[in-house]
Protein backbone atom coordinates (compact mmCIF):
# COMPACT_ATOMS: atom_id res chain seq x y z
CA MET A 1 27.78 139.34 -62.12
CA ARG A 2 27.56 137.25 -58.94
CA VAL A 3 30.22 134.64 -58.24
CA THR A 4 28.47 131.35 -57.45
CA LEU A 5 31.43 129.35 -56.17
CA PHE A 6 34.89 129.68 -54.69
CA LEU A 7 36.72 126.42 -55.24
CA ILE A 8 39.67 126.01 -52.88
CA ILE A 9 42.16 123.36 -54.02
CA VAL A 10 44.27 121.84 -51.26
CA HIS A 11 46.58 118.93 -50.62
CA ASP A 12 44.59 118.01 -47.51
CA TYR A 13 42.22 119.81 -45.15
CA THR A 14 40.95 119.69 -41.62
CA LYS A 15 37.45 119.77 -40.18
CA GLU A 16 38.29 123.30 -39.04
CA ALA A 17 38.88 124.31 -42.67
CA VAL A 18 35.48 122.88 -43.63
CA ALA A 19 33.84 124.85 -40.80
CA GLN A 20 35.62 128.01 -41.94
CA ALA A 21 34.33 127.48 -45.49
CA GLN A 22 30.79 127.18 -44.14
CA LYS A 23 31.23 130.37 -42.09
CA LEU A 24 32.61 132.23 -45.10
CA GLU A 25 29.60 131.22 -47.18
CA ALA A 26 27.19 132.25 -44.44
CA PHE A 27 28.78 135.64 -43.80
CA SER A 28 29.26 136.53 -47.48
CA GLU A 29 25.52 137.26 -47.73
CA GLN A 30 25.76 136.52 -51.46
CA ASP A 31 24.82 132.83 -51.47
CA THR A 32 28.27 132.05 -52.85
CA ASP A 33 29.33 128.46 -52.19
CA VAL A 34 32.81 127.78 -50.80
CA ALA A 35 34.02 124.27 -51.63
CA LEU A 36 37.21 122.51 -50.57
CA ILE A 37 38.62 119.88 -52.91
CA LYS A 38 41.79 117.83 -52.66
CA ALA A 39 44.09 118.25 -55.65
CA SER A 40 44.05 114.48 -56.21
CA ASP A 41 40.23 114.50 -56.41
CA LEU A 42 40.29 117.41 -58.86
CA VAL A 43 42.69 115.42 -61.05
CA TYR A 44 40.28 112.46 -60.83
CA VAL A 45 37.37 114.61 -61.99
CA ALA A 46 39.44 116.03 -64.85
CA GLU A 47 40.36 112.54 -66.04
CA GLN A 48 37.00 110.80 -65.51
CA TRP A 49 34.16 113.28 -66.06
CA LYS A 50 33.46 112.30 -69.67
CA ASN A 51 32.74 108.74 -68.51
CA TYR A 52 29.73 110.08 -66.59
CA SER A 53 28.19 111.88 -69.55
CA ASP A 54 25.66 110.34 -71.90
CA GLN A 55 26.06 113.19 -74.40
CA LYS A 56 27.53 112.67 -77.85
CA ASN A 57 29.65 115.82 -77.42
CA PRO A 58 29.93 116.10 -73.63
CA THR A 59 30.30 119.40 -71.85
CA PHE A 60 31.32 119.78 -68.25
CA ASN A 61 28.68 121.09 -65.85
CA LEU A 62 30.12 123.23 -63.06
CA GLN A 63 27.24 122.12 -60.81
CA VAL A 64 29.55 119.22 -59.95
CA PHE A 65 31.47 121.65 -57.72
CA ASN A 66 28.66 123.99 -56.66
CA MET A 67 28.25 123.33 -52.94
CA THR A 68 29.70 124.54 -49.67
CA GLY A 69 31.98 122.27 -47.68
CA GLU A 70 34.03 119.21 -48.41
CA LEU A 71 33.98 117.80 -51.95
CA THR A 72 34.97 114.23 -51.15
CA ARG A 73 35.50 111.62 -53.84
CA SER A 74 32.14 109.99 -53.05
CA ILE A 75 30.31 113.32 -53.21
CA LEU A 76 32.01 114.13 -56.51
CA LEU A 77 31.01 110.75 -57.95
CA SER A 78 27.41 111.31 -56.92
CA ARG A 79 27.34 114.85 -58.32
CA MET A 80 28.90 113.76 -61.63
CA GLU A 81 26.26 111.05 -61.98
CA TRP A 82 23.39 113.55 -62.02
CA ALA A 83 25.05 116.76 -63.23
CA LEU A 84 26.65 115.36 -66.37
CA LYS A 85 23.69 113.43 -67.76
CA GLY A 86 21.32 114.51 -70.50
CA THR A 87 20.61 118.10 -71.37
CA GLN A 88 22.17 119.87 -68.38
CA ARG A 89 24.91 122.20 -69.57
CA VAL A 90 27.15 124.97 -68.23
């Protein structure tokens, strides 16, 4: 089974780290995303994701994290808005 995402949790990161994540994704030849997320932003997602769902019994959709590069707070907010609505499920 193919891994679709490596999620790297950090305190902080540099632009060099983001570039390295992009290179890792490109050279893996598996179309596996490599995302960097600050621990504080991961905590935010864990605490807030249900507020973005319109489901009666919400489930978390891992598509929120499925991208290569920097998962900033604004990107996470945008991704939660579309990934956690309606019938999309993990």
